[in-house]
Structure formats: structure tokens, C-alpha cells
Amino acid sequence: MKAEFLKGLGLEQDVVDKIMAENGKDVAAEQAKTTKAEGERDNYKDQLATATESLEKFKDVDPAAMQSEIENLNKQLKDKDEEYAAKEADRIFSDTVKEAIKSAGGRNEKAVMAMLDMEALKASKNQSEDIKKALETVKESDAYLFGSDEPFMNAVGATGGSADVGGDNLSAIRAAMGLPTNK
């Protein structure tokens, strides 16, 4: 609305100014709404451009191939978990056998383990009992792999007699060596 239009209607200048001020408020409010809507529109345009650009990166991607790759990676992960579990089970079994060998008095763990049927023991349902039985069998057939329970018959210390051979120890040592005593 223009001020000349209102003056042409025969309104006084004071009334025209008031009408124009009120109209200006309405126009300013509408301009603010328009500016806000244009800002939102520009924001949506930027988001659309960014999304379109991101989608362009995936333009040549085959979803079926990607799904196949995901399934392949999941299978590899499962295989690694199973491999780790098998290695851990082997380690625990090996430690159990070594401990049993040690408690049975085995001198060399590797040598005794070579005499055992490890696969049969590993597949056994009652491993601890079967390991003990297998160790007893090896102990009977190859006793040299195990420590002896018999006491040593070799004397290490003095076997009797007196330690003092008369006088000082130096003369006793000289006499044992066949040398004349030193006076």
C-alpha cells in the first residue's frame, strides 16, 4: 500500500501516517517470515547437495556384493574364534599332561609326551584318569624316563672313622699323600 493511495481517498496526513506505520509492522513481520523461510530453504538445498554428493560415492557399489563381503568377514571372524578356542584347549590339555608328568616324576616332559598317544588322550572323555593310566604304562615300559624312588647307594659324606687323625690336619693330609710330615 502506498501513501498517495490513502491521500487520494481524502484521508488526513496524520491518519495516513498511522495506517502506514501499522502496515509497515505487518510488512516487516511478513518479511521476517520470508527471510526465515528462505534461510531454511537454503539449508535444505545444502543438505540435499551434501546427501547427493555422498550418494555419488556409493553409485557403483553392488549391495549384493557388499552383503557377500559382510558374510565372508563374519565367517572369517567365526573361524578365528574357533581357531583361538582350539589353540586354548590344546594349551590347557598340554599343561594338564605336563603337570601329570611332573607329578609322576618324569625327568623330561618332551620325551614322556612323545611316548603317549596324545590324540587318543585328547579325545578321551575322562582325560585325567586316562592320562594317569597312560603314564603308568610308560613308566612300566620306559622307567628310565622317570625318577627312581630308590635311595641313592653312593655315599657322599664321611663313612666312618674319626675325622681327627692325630695332631693337626695338615700333617694328616701330608701323610695321606705319602709326603714326610713337616716339623
N, C-alpha and C. Protein backbone atom coordinates (compact mmCIF):
# COMPACT_ATOMS: atom_id res chain seq x y z
N MET A 1 0.85 -1.15 0.00
CA MET A 1 0.00 0.00 0.00
C MET A 1 0.90 1.23 0.00
N LYS A 2 0.44 2.25 -0.74
CA LYS A 2 1.22 3.48 -0.86
C LYS A 2 0.48 4.61 -0.18
N ALA A 3 1.26 5.59 0.28
CA ALA A 3 0.68 6.74 0.99
C ALA A 3 -0.15 7.59 0.04
N GLU A 4 0.19 7.71 -1.25
CA GLU A 4 -0.56 8.51 -2.22
C GLU A 4 -1.97 7.95 -2.41
N PHE A 5 -2.08 6.62 -2.35
CA PHE A 5 -3.39 6.00 -2.48
C PHE A 5 -4.30 6.44 -1.34
N LEU A 6 -3.78 6.46 -0.11
CA LEU A 6 -4.57 6.86 1.05
C LEU A 6 -4.90 8.37 0.99
N LYS A 7 -3.95 9.16 0.51
CA LYS A 7 -4.21 10.60 0.39
C LYS A 7 -5.27 10.84 -0.67
N GLY A 8 -5.25 10.04 -1.72
CA GLY A 8 -6.25 10.14 -2.79
C GLY A 8 -7.64 9.81 -2.28
N LEU A 9 -7.75 9.09 -1.20
CA LEU A 9 -9.04 8.76 -0.62
C LEU A 9 -9.56 9.90 0.26
N GLY A 10 -8.71 10.90 0.46
CA GLY A 10 -9.12 12.05 1.23
C GLY A 10 -8.82 11.92 2.70
N LEU A 11 -7.90 11.14 3.08
CA LEU A 11 -7.55 10.99 4.50
C LEU A 11 -6.50 12.03 4.87
N GLU A 12 -6.52 12.44 6.12
CA GLU A 12 -5.56 13.42 6.60
C GLU A 12 -4.18 12.77 6.72
N GLN A 13 -3.14 13.62 6.73
CA GLN A 13 -1.76 13.13 6.78
C GLN A 13 -1.50 12.34 8.07
N ASP A 14 -2.06 12.77 9.20
CA ASP A 14 -1.87 12.10 10.48
C ASP A 14 -2.44 10.68 10.43
N VAL A 15 -3.60 10.52 9.86
CA VAL A 15 -4.24 9.22 9.74
C VAL A 15 -3.46 8.35 8.76
N VAL A 16 -2.99 8.95 7.67
CA VAL A 16 -2.21 8.21 6.67
C VAL A 16 -0.93 7.67 7.31
N ASP A 17 -0.26 8.50 8.14
CA ASP A 17 0.99 8.06 8.79
C ASP A 17 0.73 6.89 9.74
N LYS A 18 -0.37 6.93 10.48
CA LYS A 18 -0.70 5.84 11.40
C LYS A 18 -1.00 4.55 10.64
N ILE A 19 -1.75 4.68 9.55
CA ILE A 19 -2.07 3.50 8.74
C ILE A 19 -0.78 2.93 8.15
N MET A 20 0.08 3.82 7.66
CA MET A 20 1.34 3.38 7.04
C MET A 20 2.25 2.71 8.09
N ALA A 21 2.28 3.20 9.33
CA ALA A 21 3.09 2.60 10.40
C ALA A 21 2.58 1.20 10.72
N GLU A 22 1.28 1.07 10.82
CA GLU A 22 0.69 -0.24 11.12
C GLU A 22 0.95 -1.21 9.98
N ASN A 23 0.82 -0.72 8.76
CA ASN A 23 1.08 -1.54 7.59
C ASN A 23 2.56 -1.94 7.55
N GLY A 24 3.44 -1.03 7.97
CA GLY A 24 4.89 -1.32 8.00
C GLY A 24 5.21 -2.46 8.96
N LYS A 25 4.51 -2.49 10.11
CA LYS A 25 4.72 -3.58 11.07
C LYS A 25 4.33 -4.92 10.44
N ASP A 26 3.18 -4.94 9.77
CA ASP A 26 2.73 -6.18 9.13
C ASP A 26 3.71 -6.62 8.05
N VAL A 27 4.16 -5.64 7.27
CA VAL A 27 5.10 -5.94 6.19
C VAL A 27 6.42 -6.46 6.77
N ALA A 28 6.91 -5.84 7.85
CA ALA A 28 8.17 -6.27 8.47
C ALA A 28 8.04 -7.69 9.02
N ALA A 29 6.89 -8.02 9.63
CA ALA A 29 6.67 -9.37 10.15
C ALA A 29 6.67 -10.38 9.01
N GLU A 30 6.02 -10.04 7.92
CA GLU A 30 5.99 -10.94 6.77
C GLU A 30 7.37 -11.08 6.14
N GLN A 31 8.13 -9.99 6.09
CA GLN A 31 9.49 -10.07 5.55
C GLN A 31 10.37 -10.97 6.43
N ALA A 32 10.18 -10.90 7.74
CA ALA A 32 10.95 -11.76 8.65
C ALA A 32 10.62 -13.22 8.40
N LYS A 33 9.30 -13.50 8.22
CA LYS A 33 8.90 -14.88 7.93
C LYS A 33 9.51 -15.34 6.61
N THR A 34 9.51 -14.47 5.63
CA THR A 34 10.06 -14.81 4.32
C THR A 34 11.56 -15.06 4.43
N THR A 35 12.26 -14.22 5.17
CA THR A 35 13.71 -14.39 5.34
C THR A 35 14.01 -15.71 6.03
N LYS A 36 13.23 -16.04 7.06
CA LYS A 36 13.41 -17.30 7.78
C LYS A 36 13.15 -18.48 6.84
N ALA A 37 12.08 -18.40 6.05
CA ALA A 37 11.76 -19.48 5.11
C ALA A 37 12.85 -19.63 4.05
N GLU A 38 13.40 -18.51 3.59
CA GLU A 38 14.49 -18.58 2.60
C GLU A 38 15.73 -19.21 3.22
N GLY A 39 16.02 -18.89 4.50
CA GLY A 39 17.17 -19.49 5.19
C GLY A 39 17.00 -21.00 5.32
N GLU A 40 15.80 -21.42 5.70
CA GLU A 40 15.53 -22.86 5.81
C GLU A 40 15.65 -23.53 4.45
N ARG A 41 15.13 -22.86 3.41
CA ARG A 41 15.22 -23.41 2.06
C ARG A 41 16.67 -23.59 1.66
N ASP A 42 17.52 -22.58 1.92
CA ASP A 42 18.94 -22.67 1.57
C ASP A 42 19.62 -23.80 2.35
N ASN A 43 19.23 -23.96 3.61
CA ASN A 43 19.78 -25.03 4.43
C ASN A 43 19.41 -26.40 3.85
N TYR A 44 18.16 -26.56 3.45
CA TYR A 44 17.72 -27.82 2.84
C TYR A 44 18.42 -28.08 1.51
N LYS A 45 18.65 -27.00 0.75
CA LYS A 45 19.39 -27.16 -0.51
C LYS A 45 20.80 -27.66 -0.24
N ASP A 46 21.46 -27.10 0.79
CA ASP A 46 22.82 -27.54 1.14
C ASP A 46 22.82 -29.00 1.59
N GLN A 47 21.83 -29.37 2.41
CA GLN A 47 21.74 -30.76 2.86
C GLN A 47 21.51 -31.71 1.70
N LEU A 48 20.67 -31.29 0.76
CA LEU A 48 20.41 -32.11 -0.41
C LEU A 48 21.67 -32.28 -1.25
N ALA A 49 22.43 -31.20 -1.40
CA ALA A 49 23.67 -31.28 -2.17
C ALA A 49 24.67 -32.21 -1.48
N THR A 50 24.77 -32.10 -0.18
CA THR A 50 25.69 -32.97 0.57
C THR A 50 25.26 -34.42 0.47
N ALA A 51 23.98 -34.69 0.62
CA ALA A 51 23.47 -36.05 0.53
C ALA A 51 23.68 -36.62 -0.87
N THR A 52 23.43 -35.79 -1.88
CA THR A 52 23.63 -36.23 -3.26
C THR A 52 25.09 -36.56 -3.50
N GLU A 53 25.97 -35.72 -3.00
CA GLU A 53 27.42 -35.95 -3.15
C GLU A 53 27.83 -37.24 -2.44
N SER A 54 27.28 -37.48 -1.25
CA SER A 54 27.59 -38.71 -0.51
C SER A 54 27.07 -39.93 -1.25
N LEU A 55 25.88 -39.82 -1.83
CA LEU A 55 25.31 -40.93 -2.57
C LEU A 55 26.10 -41.24 -3.83
N GLU A 56 26.71 -40.24 -4.42
CA GLU A 56 27.52 -40.45 -5.62
C GLU A 56 28.69 -41.39 -5.32
N LYS A 57 29.20 -41.36 -4.10
CA LYS A 57 30.31 -42.24 -3.73
C LYS A 57 29.88 -43.70 -3.78
N PHE A 58 28.59 -43.95 -3.49
CA PHE A 58 28.08 -45.32 -3.44
C PHE A 58 27.37 -45.72 -4.73
N LYS A 59 27.50 -44.91 -5.76
CA LYS A 59 26.79 -45.15 -7.01
C LYS A 59 27.17 -46.51 -7.62
N ASP A 60 28.45 -46.84 -7.59
CA ASP A 60 28.92 -48.07 -8.23
C ASP A 60 28.98 -49.26 -7.28
N VAL A 61 28.48 -49.12 -6.06
CA VAL A 61 28.54 -50.21 -5.09
C VAL A 61 27.38 -51.17 -5.34
N ASP A 62 27.74 -52.46 -5.34
CA ASP A 62 26.75 -53.50 -5.53
C ASP A 62 26.32 -54.01 -4.15
N PRO A 63 25.07 -53.81 -3.77
CA PRO A 63 24.62 -54.23 -2.44
C PRO A 63 24.78 -55.74 -2.22
N ALA A 64 24.56 -56.53 -3.23
CA ALA A 64 24.70 -57.99 -3.08
C ALA A 64 26.15 -58.35 -2.80
N ALA A 65 27.07 -57.70 -3.51
CA ALA A 65 28.50 -57.96 -3.28
C ALA A 65 28.90 -57.50 -1.88
N MET A 66 28.34 -56.38 -1.45
CA MET A 66 28.65 -55.87 -0.12
C MET A 66 28.12 -56.84 0.95
N GLN A 67 26.92 -57.36 0.75
CA GLN A 67 26.35 -58.33 1.69
C GLN A 67 27.20 -59.59 1.72
N SER A 68 27.67 -60.02 0.55
CA SER A 68 28.53 -61.19 0.46
C SER A 68 29.84 -60.94 1.21
N GLU A 69 30.39 -59.77 1.07
CA GLU A 69 31.63 -59.41 1.77
C GLU A 69 31.42 -59.40 3.29
N ILE A 70 30.29 -58.89 3.73
CA ILE A 70 29.97 -58.87 5.17
C ILE A 70 29.86 -60.30 5.69
N GLU A 71 29.17 -61.16 4.94
CA GLU A 71 29.04 -62.57 5.35
C GLU A 71 30.40 -63.25 5.39
N ASN A 72 31.26 -62.94 4.41
CA ASN A 72 32.60 -63.52 4.37
C ASN A 72 33.41 -63.07 5.58
N LEU A 73 33.34 -61.80 5.92
CA LEU A 73 34.08 -61.28 7.08
C LEU A 73 33.55 -61.89 8.38
N ASN A 74 32.24 -62.05 8.48
CA ASN A 74 31.67 -62.69 9.67
C ASN A 74 32.14 -64.14 9.79
N LYS A 75 32.23 -64.84 8.65
CA LYS A 75 32.70 -66.23 8.66
C LYS A 75 34.17 -66.28 9.08
N GLN A 76 34.98 -65.35 8.57
CA GLN A 76 36.39 -65.32 8.96
C GLN A 76 36.54 -65.05 10.46
N LEU A 77 35.71 -64.16 10.97
CA LEU A 77 35.75 -63.85 12.39
C LEU A 77 35.38 -65.08 13.22
N LYS A 78 34.35 -65.80 12.78
CA LYS A 78 33.93 -67.02 13.48
C LYS A 78 35.04 -68.07 13.42
N ASP A 79 35.69 -68.21 12.25
CA ASP A 79 36.78 -69.17 12.10
C ASP A 79 37.94 -68.83 13.03
N LYS A 80 38.26 -67.55 13.15
CA LYS A 80 39.34 -67.12 14.04
C LYS A 80 38.99 -67.43 15.49
N ASP A 81 37.74 -67.20 15.86
CA ASP A 81 37.30 -67.51 17.22
C ASP A 81 37.42 -69.01 17.50
N GLU A 82 37.02 -69.82 16.53
CA GLU A 82 37.12 -71.27 16.70
C GLU A 82 38.58 -71.71 16.76
N GLU A 83 39.42 -71.09 15.93
CA GLU A 83 40.85 -71.43 15.94
C GLU A 83 41.47 -71.06 17.30
N TYR A 84 41.10 -69.90 17.81
CA TYR A 84 41.62 -69.48 19.12
C TYR A 84 41.14 -70.44 20.21
N ALA A 85 39.88 -70.82 20.16
CA ALA A 85 39.34 -71.74 21.17
C ALA A 85 40.06 -73.10 21.10
N ALA A 86 40.35 -73.56 19.88
CA ALA A 86 41.05 -74.84 19.73
C ALA A 86 42.48 -74.74 20.27
N LYS A 87 43.15 -73.64 19.99
CA LYS A 87 44.51 -73.46 20.50
C LYS A 87 44.51 -73.37 22.02
N GLU A 88 43.54 -72.68 22.56
CA GLU A 88 43.44 -72.56 24.02
C GLU A 88 43.17 -73.93 24.64
N ALA A 89 42.30 -74.72 24.02
CA ALA A 89 42.02 -76.07 24.52
C ALA A 89 43.27 -76.94 24.44
N ASP A 90 44.04 -76.83 23.35
CA ASP A 90 45.29 -77.58 23.22
C ASP A 90 46.29 -77.17 24.30
N ARG A 91 46.36 -75.88 24.57
CA ARG A 91 47.30 -75.40 25.58
C ARG A 91 46.91 -75.93 26.96
N ILE A 92 45.64 -75.88 27.27
CA ILE A 92 45.17 -76.38 28.57
C ILE A 92 45.44 -77.88 28.69
N PHE A 93 45.17 -78.63 27.60
CA PHE A 93 45.42 -80.07 27.61
C PHE A 93 46.91 -80.34 27.80
N SER A 94 47.75 -79.61 27.06
CA SER A 94 49.20 -79.79 27.17
C SER A 94 49.69 -79.48 28.58
N ASP A 95 49.18 -78.41 29.17
CA ASP A 95 49.57 -78.07 30.54
C ASP A 95 49.13 -79.16 31.52
N THR A 96 47.96 -79.73 31.29
CA THR A 96 47.47 -80.80 32.16
C THR A 96 48.38 -82.02 32.07
N VAL A 97 48.78 -82.38 30.84
CA VAL A 97 49.66 -83.54 30.64
C VAL A 97 51.02 -83.26 31.28
N LYS A 98 51.57 -82.07 31.08
CA LYS A 98 52.88 -81.73 31.66
C LYS A 98 52.83 -81.79 33.19
N GLU A 99 51.76 -81.29 33.75
CA GLU A 99 51.61 -81.32 35.22
C GLU A 99 51.52 -82.76 35.71
N ALA A 100 50.81 -83.61 34.98
CA ALA A 100 50.70 -85.03 35.36
C ALA A 100 52.06 -85.72 35.25
N ILE A 101 52.81 -85.38 34.22
CA ILE A 101 54.15 -85.97 34.05
C ILE A 101 55.06 -85.53 35.21
N LYS A 102 54.97 -84.26 35.55
CA LYS A 102 55.79 -83.74 36.63
C LYS A 102 55.43 -84.41 37.96
N SER A 103 54.13 -84.56 38.21
CA SER A 103 53.71 -85.19 39.47
C SER A 103 54.04 -86.69 39.49
N ALA A 104 54.18 -87.33 38.31
CA ALA A 104 54.54 -88.74 38.24
C ALA A 104 56.05 -88.93 38.33
N GLY A 105 56.81 -87.83 38.36
CA GLY A 105 58.27 -87.92 38.49
C GLY A 105 58.99 -88.02 37.17
N GLY A 106 58.37 -87.54 36.10
CA GLY A 106 59.02 -87.59 34.79
C GLY A 106 60.24 -86.68 34.74
N ARG A 107 61.30 -87.18 34.12
CA ARG A 107 62.54 -86.41 34.04
C ARG A 107 62.52 -85.43 32.86
N ASN A 108 61.90 -85.83 31.75
CA ASN A 108 61.90 -85.00 30.56
C ASN A 108 60.49 -85.02 29.98
N GLU A 109 59.81 -83.89 30.06
CA GLU A 109 58.40 -83.82 29.63
C GLU A 109 58.23 -84.17 28.16
N LYS A 110 59.12 -83.64 27.31
CA LYS A 110 59.00 -83.89 25.87
C LYS A 110 59.17 -85.37 25.54
N ALA A 111 60.12 -86.00 26.19
CA ALA A 111 60.37 -87.43 25.92
C ALA A 111 59.18 -88.27 26.36
N VAL A 112 58.63 -87.95 27.52
CA VAL A 112 57.48 -88.72 28.01
C VAL A 112 56.27 -88.45 27.12
N MET A 113 56.07 -87.20 26.72
CA MET A 113 54.92 -86.85 25.86
C MET A 113 55.02 -87.56 24.51
N ALA A 114 56.25 -87.78 24.03
CA ALA A 114 56.43 -88.49 22.76
C ALA A 114 55.99 -89.95 22.87
N MET A 115 56.04 -90.48 24.06
CA MET A 115 55.66 -91.88 24.27
C MET A 115 54.14 -92.03 24.42
N LEU A 116 53.42 -90.94 24.63
CA LEU A 116 51.97 -91.00 24.85
C LEU A 116 51.22 -90.82 23.53
N ASP A 117 50.05 -91.41 23.44
CA ASP A 117 49.16 -91.21 22.29
C ASP A 117 48.32 -89.97 22.60
N MET A 118 48.83 -88.82 22.23
CA MET A 118 48.22 -87.54 22.61
C MET A 118 46.82 -87.37 22.01
N GLU A 119 46.62 -87.82 20.78
CA GLU A 119 45.31 -87.65 20.14
C GLU A 119 44.24 -88.47 20.86
N ALA A 120 44.60 -89.70 21.26
CA ALA A 120 43.63 -90.53 21.97
C ALA A 120 43.32 -89.93 23.33
N LEU A 121 44.34 -89.39 24.00
CA LEU A 121 44.11 -88.77 25.31
C LEU A 121 43.27 -87.50 25.18
N LYS A 122 43.50 -86.76 24.12
CA LYS A 122 42.75 -85.52 23.91
C LYS A 122 41.28 -85.81 23.64
N ALA A 123 41.00 -86.90 22.94
CA ALA A 123 39.63 -87.26 22.60
C ALA A 123 38.92 -87.98 23.75
N SER A 124 39.67 -88.34 24.77
CA SER A 124 39.11 -89.09 25.90
C SER A 124 38.07 -88.27 26.65
N LYS A 125 37.08 -88.98 27.18
CA LYS A 125 36.04 -88.31 27.96
C LYS A 125 36.50 -88.05 29.39
N ASN A 126 37.30 -88.96 29.95
CA ASN A 126 37.83 -88.80 31.30
C ASN A 126 39.35 -88.64 31.18
N GLN A 127 39.78 -87.47 30.82
CA GLN A 127 41.18 -87.24 30.48
C GLN A 127 42.12 -87.48 31.65
N SER A 128 41.78 -86.98 32.82
CA SER A 128 42.73 -87.08 33.94
C SER A 128 43.03 -88.54 34.29
N GLU A 129 42.02 -89.40 34.32
CA GLU A 129 42.23 -90.82 34.62
C GLU A 129 43.01 -91.51 33.50
N ASP A 130 42.66 -91.20 32.25
CA ASP A 130 43.35 -91.82 31.12
C ASP A 130 44.80 -91.38 31.04
N ILE A 131 45.08 -90.13 31.39
CA ILE A 131 46.47 -89.64 31.40
C ILE A 131 47.27 -90.38 32.46
N LYS A 132 46.69 -90.57 33.64
CA LYS A 132 47.38 -91.31 34.71
C LYS A 132 47.67 -92.74 34.28
N LYS A 133 46.69 -93.39 33.66
CA LYS A 133 46.89 -94.79 33.20
C LYS A 133 47.98 -94.86 32.14
N ALA A 134 47.96 -93.90 31.20
CA ALA A 134 48.97 -93.89 30.14
C ALA A 134 50.36 -93.64 30.72
N LEU A 135 50.46 -92.78 31.71
CA LEU A 135 51.76 -92.52 32.34
C LEU A 135 52.26 -93.74 33.10
N GLU A 136 51.35 -94.47 33.74
CA GLU A 136 51.76 -95.70 34.44
C GLU A 136 52.29 -96.73 33.45
N THR A 137 51.64 -96.82 32.29
CA THR A 137 52.09 -97.76 31.26
C THR A 137 53.47 -97.38 30.75
N VAL A 138 53.69 -96.08 30.50
CA VAL A 138 55.01 -95.62 30.03
C VAL A 138 56.05 -95.82 31.13
N LYS A 139 55.66 -95.60 32.37
CA LYS A 139 56.58 -95.76 33.49
C LYS A 139 57.04 -97.21 33.61
N GLU A 140 56.13 -98.16 33.33
CA GLU A 140 56.50 -99.58 33.37
C GLU A 140 57.42 -99.95 32.22
N SER A 141 57.11 -99.44 31.01
CA SER A 141 57.89 -99.84 29.84
C SER A 141 59.20 -99.05 29.72
N ASP A 142 59.22 -97.80 30.11
CA ASP A 142 60.42 -96.96 29.98
C ASP A 142 60.67 -96.24 31.30
N ALA A 143 61.12 -97.00 32.30
CA ALA A 143 61.30 -96.45 33.64
C ALA A 143 62.41 -95.40 33.70
N TYR A 144 63.36 -95.46 32.75
CA TYR A 144 64.46 -94.50 32.76
C TYR A 144 64.00 -93.06 32.53
N LEU A 145 62.76 -92.87 32.02
CA LEU A 145 62.24 -91.53 31.80
C LEU A 145 61.71 -90.90 33.09
N PHE A 146 61.64 -91.71 34.13
CA PHE A 146 61.08 -91.23 35.39
C PHE A 146 62.13 -91.33 36.49
N GLY A 147 62.00 -90.50 37.50
CA GLY A 147 62.90 -90.52 38.65
C GLY A 147 62.72 -91.80 39.44
N SER A 148 63.78 -92.26 40.06
CA SER A 148 63.73 -93.50 40.82
C SER A 148 63.29 -93.20 42.25
N ASP A 149 62.52 -94.12 42.82
CA ASP A 149 62.07 -93.98 44.20
C ASP A 149 63.09 -94.59 45.16
N GLU A 150 64.08 -95.32 44.63
CA GLU A 150 65.08 -95.99 45.47
C GLU A 150 66.06 -94.95 46.01
N PRO A 151 66.55 -95.13 47.22
CA PRO A 151 67.53 -94.20 47.77
C PRO A 151 68.88 -94.39 47.08
N PHE A 152 69.67 -93.35 47.07
CA PHE A 152 71.00 -93.43 46.46
C PHE A 152 71.91 -94.28 47.33
N MET A 153 72.70 -95.14 46.69
CA MET A 153 73.62 -96.01 47.43
C MET A 153 75.03 -95.42 47.45
N ASN A 154 75.25 -94.31 46.83
CA ASN A 154 76.58 -93.70 46.80
C ASN A 154 76.70 -92.78 48.00
N ALA A 155 77.71 -93.03 48.81
CA ALA A 155 77.92 -92.18 49.97
C ALA A 155 78.62 -90.91 49.52
N VAL A 156 78.20 -89.81 50.08
CA VAL A 156 78.80 -88.54 49.71
C VAL A 156 79.64 -88.00 50.86
N GLY A 157 79.24 -88.26 52.06
CA GLY A 157 79.94 -87.72 53.23
C GLY A 157 80.91 -88.73 53.80
N ALA A 158 81.36 -88.49 54.98
CA ALA A 158 82.28 -89.38 55.67
C ALA A 158 81.58 -90.71 55.94
N THR A 159 82.33 -91.80 55.85
CA THR A 159 81.74 -93.12 56.02
C THR A 159 82.09 -93.78 57.33
N GLY A 160 82.70 -93.07 58.19
CA GLY A 160 83.04 -93.65 59.49
C GLY A 160 84.45 -93.28 59.86
N GLY A 161 84.88 -93.73 61.03
CA GLY A 161 86.22 -93.38 61.49
C GLY A 161 86.20 -92.00 62.10
N SER A 162 87.33 -91.62 62.60
CA SER A 162 87.37 -90.30 63.22
C SER A 162 87.94 -89.31 62.24
N ALA A 163 87.51 -88.09 62.35
CA ALA A 163 88.00 -87.04 61.47
C ALA A 163 89.37 -86.56 61.92
N ASP A 164 89.71 -86.77 63.15
CA ASP A 164 91.00 -86.29 63.65
C ASP A 164 91.98 -87.45 63.59
N VAL A 165 93.02 -87.35 62.76
CA VAL A 165 93.97 -88.42 62.54
C VAL A 165 95.21 -88.19 63.41
N GLY A 166 95.10 -87.45 64.39
CA GLY A 166 96.22 -87.20 65.28
C GLY A 166 96.90 -85.90 64.96
N GLY A 167 96.91 -85.02 65.81
CA GLY A 167 97.60 -83.75 65.64
C GLY A 167 96.83 -82.84 64.73
N ASP A 168 97.60 -82.08 64.00
CA ASP A 168 96.93 -81.11 63.13
C ASP A 168 96.53 -81.75 61.81
N ASN A 169 95.63 -81.16 61.17
CA ASN A 169 95.08 -81.71 59.92
C ASN A 169 96.08 -81.68 58.79
N LEU A 170 97.01 -80.74 58.79
CA LEU A 170 97.99 -80.62 57.71
C LEU A 170 98.90 -81.84 57.68
N SER A 171 99.33 -82.31 58.81
CA SER A 171 100.21 -83.47 58.82
C SER A 171 99.45 -84.72 58.39
N ALA A 172 98.16 -84.81 58.72
CA ALA A 172 97.37 -85.95 58.28
C ALA A 172 97.22 -85.93 56.76
N ILE A 173 97.05 -84.77 56.21
CA ILE A 173 96.92 -84.67 54.75
C ILE A 173 98.24 -85.04 54.09
N ARG A 174 99.37 -84.59 54.64
CA ARG A 174 100.69 -84.91 54.06
C ARG A 174 100.92 -86.42 54.12
N ALA A 175 100.50 -87.02 55.23
CA ALA A 175 100.72 -88.46 55.38
C ALA A 175 99.85 -89.22 54.38
N ALA A 176 98.65 -88.73 54.12
CA ALA A 176 97.77 -89.40 53.15
C ALA A 176 98.34 -89.31 51.75
N MET A 177 99.08 -88.27 51.52
CA MET A 177 99.66 -88.08 50.18
C MET A 177 101.01 -88.77 50.05
N GLY A 178 101.52 -89.34 51.11
CA GLY A 178 102.80 -90.03 51.07
C GLY A 178 103.99 -89.10 51.22
N LEU A 179 103.77 -87.94 51.77
CA LEU A 179 104.85 -86.97 52.00
C LEU A 179 105.30 -87.04 53.44
N PRO A 180 106.56 -86.70 53.71
CA PRO A 180 107.02 -86.71 55.09
C PRO A 180 106.31 -85.60 55.87
N THR A 181 106.13 -85.83 57.15
CA THR A 181 105.49 -84.83 57.99
C THR A 181 106.40 -83.65 58.15
N ASN A 182 105.82 -82.54 58.28
CA ASN A 182 106.57 -81.28 58.40
C ASN A 182 106.67 -80.94 59.87
N LYS A 183 107.91 -80.70 60.32
CA LYS A 183 108.08 -80.41 61.74
C LYS A 183 108.39 -78.98 61.95
